[in-house]
Amino acid sequence: MQCVIEFRSIAARSVGRVAGLAFALAGALLAACTPVQPRSEVRASTAPVEVAPVPLEQDLLLQLLAAQFALHADDIPAAARGFAGAAALSGDARLAEEATRLALAARDWPLASQAVARWQQLAPAAPGVQQARGWIALGEDRADAAHAALSDLVSRGESQAWRLVAQALMNASDKPLAARVLRRLATPERLATAESNWVAASQLAFKLDDKPFARELADAAVARFHGADAYSWSARLALDSGDKAAAGATYAESLQRQPGSLRLRGGYAALLAEQGDNAAAARVLAAGTQDDTTYAARAAYAARAEDHKALGALYREVQADDSARSAKRQYLLGQVAEMLDRREEALAWYRGITIDDEHWFDAQMRASVVLGDLGRTDEAVAQLRRLAEVSAGDRLRQRNAWLLEADLLANAKRPREALAVYDRALAAQPDDTRLLYSRALFAVEQGDMAAGERDLRRVLALSPDDAEAMNALGYTLADDSKPGDPRLGEALQLVQRALELKPDEAAIIDSMGWVRYRMGDLEASLAQLRRAHAKQPDAEIAAHLGEVLWVKGERAEARRVWDEARRKDPDNPTLLEAIERLAST
């Protein structure tokens, strides 16, 4: 007998696991056919071979292909029906499982019930069967049935049982119902002696918005296990409720029991830093085993705290560490040496990093900055030009090398050379908004407002929602205007739009205050500048706030604001110019 299979204009394409099932079964069907008769026998045969047509609903291959194409077209309901039909014709449990999953995704509970019944018939021990029964019951608001199915799943002791329970509960549209089922499931007997089960159940309760039960489970996990996972999760719950003191107490207790836990130390340090105590964060990380990650975090916290004593101690500690010194550690040593004003040492650390290491480019950039700080500008420029040449083809690296070269030349009071770098860079990358923005700010600093305005407008033409460019142009127009100047209206619109895009950006709030000041609205200006200064009390914002206070006659407060800023940034040109200009009036 000859096996004849006709494919009616079907262009099949493999689509993931489902396609694999379809074509695997197609192959099985073909393999089951008896061998075709030899050509000579076919010629000698006098009677034609007739094959009875197979009804569509009984054609397994066509059912599979139809389901596959429905899935490819993102028609999940049709795909679910197709796989359910195929599962009814096949003894392959994988088809019934796929039909069940697709019906669940489509929230077709009757079809899902039909599919899971077939799946259970073919693979009665599959843990996913009970998960699906619980999932369906949740969809049909049958709490007792959902509990029974999921309880049976957990009682089997499968390693993945709680993960499957969580998946079913999280997909329930009725979250309060799912939370009630979880409360009945998550008993001490079922959670047993595994800390991970308790923590996972608490996290699931939290996601289902049953925070009291999440807290109850977390407290029980801490009391039973005193593990890092339980403590960390308990502290996060405390933070979520706004109780930072409780979170800190939880971390402190955990570190008494597990002083070497990097996870607990890192979490506690992050909490302390968030509360503004960066020095304490660095001290917490200093206790216990150290590696490149803890060294880097300690350096960051100590730098934020401006704790030079801690930075010095860290520098000596890292130098003395006799474990393998990676390029990452060398780069960190260079950074800490810079912060300690040990520039020659920093230069040596950076130069010790080889070109084949991922930190090499950044190290050479930092080395160029150090050379500039040492007054060796020509050497820095030569190094940056080599970096740009080596980075040919990498637009980002080339651009960064050019930007730093221009910046170093500007700082060295060589403005014409700096401008030439910008021009050369923009000839190579004419639509790079970062280069245009930087050249614009440089032009404004040099007093060429027209050139700065031109470049900023070009940035906005290329990137209409660039809040920084809007802010810079608005500030520039305002700073170059006097009350009554029509450009102040455009300046106000630009800064308002930038503020809509970034409402909490201190620099943009400062610009709004400055625009209002130029428009003669001192009260509105003062309100904005106080807000900006509270967010970021840097020297430039302090200069603006002090000026408005001075003009309003509140000169004692103006002097206090300026004095605080001078202690932090004694050489800031904007601040010094404002004080010199106004103090004589």
Foldseek 3Di string as FASTA:
>chain_A
DFDDDDDDPDDDDQDPPLSVVLVVVVVVVVVPGDDDDDPVVVVVDPDDDDDDDDDPLQDLNNLSRQLVVCVVVVVLVSNLVSLLSNLVNDLDLVSLVVSLVSCLVVLVLVSNVSSLVSSCVNPVVDLVSLLSQLLSCLSVVNLVSNLVSLLVSLVVVDPCSVVSLLVSQLPRPPLVSSLVSLVVRPDCVSCDLDLVSLQVSLVSNVSSVNNVVSQVSLVVSCVRPLDPSSLLSNLVSCVVVVNLVVSLVSLVVSCVVVVADQSSLQSNLVSCVVVVNLVVNLVSLVGHDDDLVSLQSSLVSCVSVVPLVSLVVSLVVLVPDPDDQDLSSLQVNLVSCVSNVVLVSSLVSLVVDDPVDPCNLVSLLVNLVSCLVVVNLVVSLVSLVVQLVVCVVPLVSNVVSLLSNLVSCVVVVNNVVSLVSLVVNCVVVVLDLVSLQSNLVSCVVVVNNVSNLVSLVSSCVVPVLPLVSLQVNLLSQLVPAAAPPPSLVSSLVSLVSSCVVPVQALSSLLSNLSSCVRNVNLVSSLVSLVSSCVVPVEQLSLLSNLLSCVVVVVNVVSVVSLVVNCVVPVPDPSSVVSCVVRVVD
